[in-house]
Amino acid sequence: MVRRPESRNPPEQARIDAIRGCSVELAEALDLADGFADLIRKQSTGTLSEWLTRGEVSPDPALRRFAEGIRSDEAAVQAAVPQKWSHGPGEGHGDRLKP
């Protein structure tokens, strides 16, 4: 599920399609997860606010809590999402360098 849809191999995509077919709630949760990933990857035409509105009414309690948590600090997340820079490459190096 973490991979971009275009990077998934056929068995992975088949598994995700099977999960989507199990219930409407699962399909909606996967759609929300894909939508959030697209926002973070800057591949979405939607906005963070639109995603949060959808997430806050999700039948999935974990997604609702996630959306509510982001909403509580929406300004900071909104400021970070459009940035082209990432902390990813530097994560963990500080610990590695500590004596």
N, C-alpha and C. Protein backbone atom coordinates (compact mmCIF):
# COMPACT_ATOMS: atom_id res chain seq x y z
N MET A 1 0.82 -1.19 0.00
CA MET A 1 0.00 0.00 0.00
C MET A 1 0.86 1.26 0.00
N VAL A 2 2.06 1.16 0.53
CA VAL A 2 2.92 2.33 0.64
C VAL A 2 3.48 2.75 -0.72
N ARG A 3 3.67 1.80 -1.59
CA ARG A 3 4.22 2.13 -2.92
C ARG A 3 3.23 2.95 -3.73
N ARG A 4 3.80 3.75 -4.60
CA ARG A 4 2.95 4.50 -5.53
C ARG A 4 2.23 3.50 -6.43
N PRO A 5 0.98 3.79 -6.80
CA PRO A 5 0.24 2.84 -7.64
C PRO A 5 1.00 2.42 -8.89
N GLU A 6 1.71 3.36 -9.51
CA GLU A 6 2.43 3.01 -10.75
C GLU A 6 3.66 2.15 -10.49
N SER A 7 4.08 2.04 -9.22
CA SER A 7 5.25 1.24 -8.87
C SER A 7 4.89 -0.15 -8.35
N ARG A 8 3.61 -0.40 -8.15
CA ARG A 8 3.20 -1.70 -7.61
C ARG A 8 3.28 -2.77 -8.70
N ASN A 9 3.74 -3.95 -8.29
CA ASN A 9 3.74 -5.05 -9.25
C ASN A 9 2.33 -5.67 -9.29
N PRO A 10 2.02 -6.47 -10.30
CA PRO A 10 0.66 -7.01 -10.45
C PRO A 10 0.13 -7.77 -9.22
N PRO A 11 0.94 -8.62 -8.55
CA PRO A 11 0.40 -9.29 -7.36
C PRO A 11 0.06 -8.30 -6.23
N GLU A 12 0.87 -7.28 -6.05
CA GLU A 12 0.58 -6.27 -5.03
C GLU A 12 -0.73 -5.54 -5.35
N GLN A 13 -0.87 -5.15 -6.59
CA GLN A 13 -2.09 -4.44 -6.99
C GLN A 13 -3.31 -5.34 -6.86
N ALA A 14 -3.15 -6.61 -7.20
CA ALA A 14 -4.26 -7.56 -7.07
C ALA A 14 -4.68 -7.70 -5.61
N ARG A 15 -3.71 -7.74 -4.70
CA ARG A 15 -4.01 -7.83 -3.27
C ARG A 15 -4.78 -6.60 -2.79
N ILE A 16 -4.33 -5.43 -3.21
CA ILE A 16 -5.00 -4.20 -2.82
C ILE A 16 -6.41 -4.15 -3.41
N ASP A 17 -6.57 -4.57 -4.65
CA ASP A 17 -7.90 -4.61 -5.26
C ASP A 17 -8.82 -5.58 -4.52
N ALA A 18 -8.27 -6.70 -4.07
CA ALA A 18 -9.07 -7.67 -3.31
C ALA A 18 -9.52 -7.07 -1.98
N ILE A 19 -8.61 -6.34 -1.33
CA ILE A 19 -8.97 -5.69 -0.06
C ILE A 19 -10.04 -4.65 -0.30
N ARG A 20 -9.89 -3.86 -1.35
CA ARG A 20 -10.90 -2.85 -1.69
C ARG A 20 -12.27 -3.49 -1.91
N GLY A 21 -12.27 -4.68 -2.48
CA GLY A 21 -13.53 -5.36 -2.77
C GLY A 21 -14.21 -5.98 -1.56
N CYS A 22 -13.52 -6.04 -0.43
CA CYS A 22 -14.10 -6.66 0.77
C CYS A 22 -15.23 -5.84 1.38
N SER A 23 -15.08 -4.52 1.37
CA SER A 23 -16.13 -3.67 1.94
C SER A 23 -15.97 -2.25 1.46
N VAL A 24 -17.07 -1.53 1.52
CA VAL A 24 -17.06 -0.12 1.13
C VAL A 24 -16.17 0.67 2.08
N GLU A 25 -16.21 0.32 3.38
CA GLU A 25 -15.41 1.04 4.37
C GLU A 25 -13.92 0.89 4.10
N LEU A 26 -13.49 -0.33 3.76
CA LEU A 26 -12.08 -0.55 3.43
C LEU A 26 -11.68 0.22 2.18
N ALA A 27 -12.54 0.21 1.18
CA ALA A 27 -12.24 0.95 -0.05
C ALA A 27 -12.10 2.44 0.25
N GLU A 28 -13.00 2.99 1.08
CA GLU A 28 -12.92 4.40 1.44
C GLU A 28 -11.64 4.71 2.21
N ALA A 29 -11.27 3.81 3.13
CA ALA A 29 -10.04 4.02 3.91
C ALA A 29 -8.81 4.00 3.00
N LEU A 30 -8.78 3.07 2.06
CA LEU A 30 -7.65 3.01 1.12
C LEU A 30 -7.62 4.23 0.21
N ASP A 31 -8.79 4.70 -0.20
CA ASP A 31 -8.85 5.91 -1.02
C ASP A 31 -8.30 7.11 -0.25
N LEU A 32 -8.67 7.22 1.03
CA LEU A 32 -8.16 8.31 1.85
C LEU A 32 -6.64 8.21 2.03
N ALA A 33 -6.15 7.01 2.26
CA ALA A 33 -4.71 6.82 2.42
C ALA A 33 -3.98 7.19 1.13
N ASP A 34 -4.50 6.74 -0.01
CA ASP A 34 -3.90 7.10 -1.30
C ASP A 34 -3.94 8.61 -1.52
N GLY A 35 -5.06 9.22 -1.15
CA GLY A 35 -5.20 10.66 -1.32
C GLY A 35 -4.20 11.44 -0.48
N PHE A 36 -3.97 10.99 0.76
CA PHE A 36 -3.01 11.68 1.61
C PHE A 36 -1.60 11.50 1.06
N ALA A 37 -1.27 10.31 0.62
CA ALA A 37 0.05 10.08 0.04
C ALA A 37 0.26 10.97 -1.19
N ASP A 38 -0.77 11.11 -2.01
CA ASP A 38 -0.67 11.98 -3.18
C ASP A 38 -0.43 13.43 -2.78
N LEU A 39 -1.11 13.88 -1.71
CA LEU A 39 -0.89 15.24 -1.23
C LEU A 39 0.56 15.45 -0.82
N ILE A 40 1.07 14.51 -0.05
CA ILE A 40 2.44 14.62 0.44
C ILE A 40 3.44 14.54 -0.70
N ARG A 41 3.14 13.71 -1.69
CA ARG A 41 4.04 13.57 -2.85
C ARG A 41 3.83 14.67 -3.88
N LYS A 42 2.89 15.58 -3.58
CA LYS A 42 2.58 16.70 -4.47
C LYS A 42 2.05 16.23 -5.81
N GLN A 43 1.26 15.16 -5.81
CA GLN A 43 0.68 14.62 -7.03
C GLN A 43 -0.83 14.75 -7.02
N SER A 44 -1.35 15.63 -6.19
CA SER A 44 -2.79 15.76 -6.04
C SER A 44 -3.25 17.15 -6.46
N THR A 45 -4.44 17.21 -7.03
CA THR A 45 -5.03 18.50 -7.34
C THR A 45 -5.86 19.01 -6.17
N GLY A 46 -6.10 18.14 -5.17
CA GLY A 46 -6.87 18.53 -4.00
C GLY A 46 -6.04 19.30 -3.00
N THR A 47 -6.70 19.72 -1.93
CA THR A 47 -6.01 20.46 -0.89
C THR A 47 -6.00 19.67 0.42
N LEU A 48 -5.12 20.05 1.31
CA LEU A 48 -5.06 19.41 2.62
C LEU A 48 -6.37 19.60 3.36
N SER A 49 -6.94 20.78 3.28
CA SER A 49 -8.20 21.06 3.96
C SER A 49 -9.32 20.14 3.46
N GLU A 50 -9.38 19.93 2.16
CA GLU A 50 -10.39 19.01 1.61
C GLU A 50 -10.17 17.59 2.12
N TRP A 51 -8.92 17.17 2.16
CA TRP A 51 -8.62 15.82 2.65
C TRP A 51 -9.01 15.69 4.12
N LEU A 52 -8.70 16.69 4.91
CA LEU A 52 -9.03 16.65 6.33
C LEU A 52 -10.53 16.57 6.55
N THR A 53 -11.29 17.30 5.77
CA THR A 53 -12.75 17.24 5.88
C THR A 53 -13.24 15.82 5.61
N ARG A 54 -12.71 15.19 4.59
CA ARG A 54 -13.08 13.79 4.29
C ARG A 54 -12.62 12.85 5.40
N GLY A 55 -11.39 13.07 5.88
CA GLY A 55 -10.85 12.19 6.92
C GLY A 55 -11.60 12.27 8.23
N GLU A 56 -12.07 13.46 8.57
CA GLU A 56 -12.76 13.65 9.85
C GLU A 56 -14.13 12.98 9.90
N VAL A 57 -14.68 12.63 8.75
CA VAL A 57 -15.98 11.94 8.72
C VAL A 57 -15.83 10.48 8.27
N SER A 58 -14.60 10.01 8.20
CA SER A 58 -14.34 8.63 7.80
C SER A 58 -14.95 7.66 8.81
N PRO A 59 -15.45 6.52 8.32
CA PRO A 59 -15.93 5.51 9.26
C PRO A 59 -14.80 4.83 10.04
N ASP A 60 -13.58 5.01 9.56
CA ASP A 60 -12.43 4.39 10.23
C ASP A 60 -11.95 5.29 11.38
N PRO A 61 -11.99 4.80 12.62
CA PRO A 61 -11.60 5.65 13.75
C PRO A 61 -10.13 6.08 13.71
N ALA A 62 -9.26 5.24 13.20
CA ALA A 62 -7.84 5.60 13.13
C ALA A 62 -7.63 6.76 12.15
N LEU A 63 -8.30 6.72 11.01
CA LEU A 63 -8.19 7.81 10.04
C LEU A 63 -8.81 9.09 10.59
N ARG A 64 -9.92 8.97 11.31
CA ARG A 64 -10.52 10.16 11.93
C ARG A 64 -9.55 10.80 12.92
N ARG A 65 -8.93 9.97 13.78
CA ARG A 65 -7.96 10.51 14.75
C ARG A 65 -6.78 11.15 14.04
N PHE A 66 -6.30 10.51 12.98
CA PHE A 66 -5.18 11.05 12.21
C PHE A 66 -5.55 12.42 11.63
N ALA A 67 -6.73 12.51 11.01
CA ALA A 67 -7.18 13.78 10.44
C ALA A 67 -7.36 14.83 11.53
N GLU A 68 -7.93 14.45 12.66
CA GLU A 68 -8.13 15.40 13.75
C GLU A 68 -6.80 15.89 14.31
N GLY A 69 -5.82 15.01 14.39
CA GLY A 69 -4.49 15.40 14.86
C GLY A 69 -3.83 16.39 13.93
N ILE A 70 -3.95 16.14 12.64
CA ILE A 70 -3.39 17.07 11.66
C ILE A 70 -4.14 18.40 11.72
N ARG A 71 -5.46 18.32 11.86
CA ARG A 71 -6.27 19.54 11.92
C ARG A 71 -5.85 20.41 13.11
N SER A 72 -5.46 19.77 14.21
CA SER A 72 -5.08 20.54 15.40
C SER A 72 -3.81 21.37 15.18
N ASP A 73 -3.00 20.99 14.20
CA ASP A 73 -1.80 21.76 13.86
C ASP A 73 -1.75 21.99 12.35
N GLU A 74 -2.91 22.29 11.81
CA GLU A 74 -3.05 22.39 10.36
C GLU A 74 -2.13 23.44 9.74
N ALA A 75 -1.93 24.55 10.42
CA ALA A 75 -1.09 25.61 9.86
C ALA A 75 0.33 25.11 9.62
N ALA A 76 0.88 24.37 10.57
CA ALA A 76 2.25 23.86 10.41
C ALA A 76 2.31 22.82 9.29
N VAL A 77 1.32 21.94 9.23
CA VAL A 77 1.31 20.91 8.18
C VAL A 77 1.12 21.58 6.83
N GLN A 78 0.21 22.55 6.77
CA GLN A 78 -0.05 23.27 5.52
C GLN A 78 1.22 23.96 5.02
N ALA A 79 2.01 24.48 5.93
CA ALA A 79 3.25 25.15 5.55
C ALA A 79 4.29 24.14 5.06
N ALA A 80 4.27 22.94 5.60
CA ALA A 80 5.27 21.94 5.23
C ALA A 80 4.95 21.21 3.94
N VAL A 81 3.68 20.99 3.64
CA VAL A 81 3.30 20.19 2.48
C VAL A 81 3.83 20.74 1.16
N PRO A 82 3.74 22.06 0.90
CA PRO A 82 4.21 22.51 -0.42
C PRO A 82 5.72 22.62 -0.58
N GLN A 83 6.46 22.40 0.48
CA GLN A 83 7.92 22.53 0.39
C GLN A 83 8.50 21.42 -0.48
N LYS A 84 9.49 21.77 -1.27
CA LYS A 84 10.12 20.75 -2.11
C LYS A 84 11.21 20.00 -1.37
N TRP A 85 11.57 20.48 -0.17
CA TRP A 85 12.65 19.86 0.59
C TRP A 85 12.09 18.83 1.54
N SER A 86 12.90 17.84 1.89
CA SER A 86 12.51 16.78 2.79
C SER A 86 13.62 16.54 3.80
N HIS A 87 13.22 16.15 5.01
CA HIS A 87 14.20 15.78 6.03
C HIS A 87 14.63 14.32 5.88
N GLY A 88 13.97 13.60 5.00
CA GLY A 88 14.22 12.17 4.84
C GLY A 88 15.67 11.77 4.70
N PRO A 89 16.45 12.40 3.82
CA PRO A 89 17.84 11.98 3.65
C PRO A 89 18.70 12.14 4.91
N GLY A 90 18.34 13.07 5.76
CA GLY A 90 19.16 13.31 6.96
C GLY A 90 18.69 12.56 8.19
N GLU A 91 17.50 11.96 8.14
CA GLU A 91 16.98 11.26 9.30
C GLU A 91 17.91 10.14 9.75
N GLY A 92 18.17 10.06 11.02
CA GLY A 92 19.00 9.00 11.57
C GLY A 92 20.48 9.30 11.60
N HIS A 93 20.93 10.25 10.80
CA HIS A 93 22.36 10.54 10.77
C HIS A 93 22.85 11.20 12.06
N GLY A 94 21.99 11.98 12.70
CA GLY A 94 22.38 12.62 13.95
C GLY A 94 22.70 11.59 15.02
N ASP A 95 21.89 10.55 15.12
CA ASP A 95 22.15 9.48 16.09
C ASP A 95 23.43 8.72 15.74
N ARG A 96 23.66 8.54 14.48
CA ARG A 96 24.83 7.80 14.04
C ARG A 96 26.11 8.55 14.41
N LEU A 97 26.04 9.89 14.39
CA LEU A 97 27.20 10.71 14.64
C LEU A 97 27.47 10.96 16.12
N LYS A 98 26.50 10.68 16.98
CA LYS A 98 26.68 10.92 18.41
C LYS A 98 27.69 9.96 18.99
N PRO A 99 28.50 10.45 19.96
CA PRO A 99 29.53 9.55 20.53
C PRO A 99 28.94 8.49 21.41
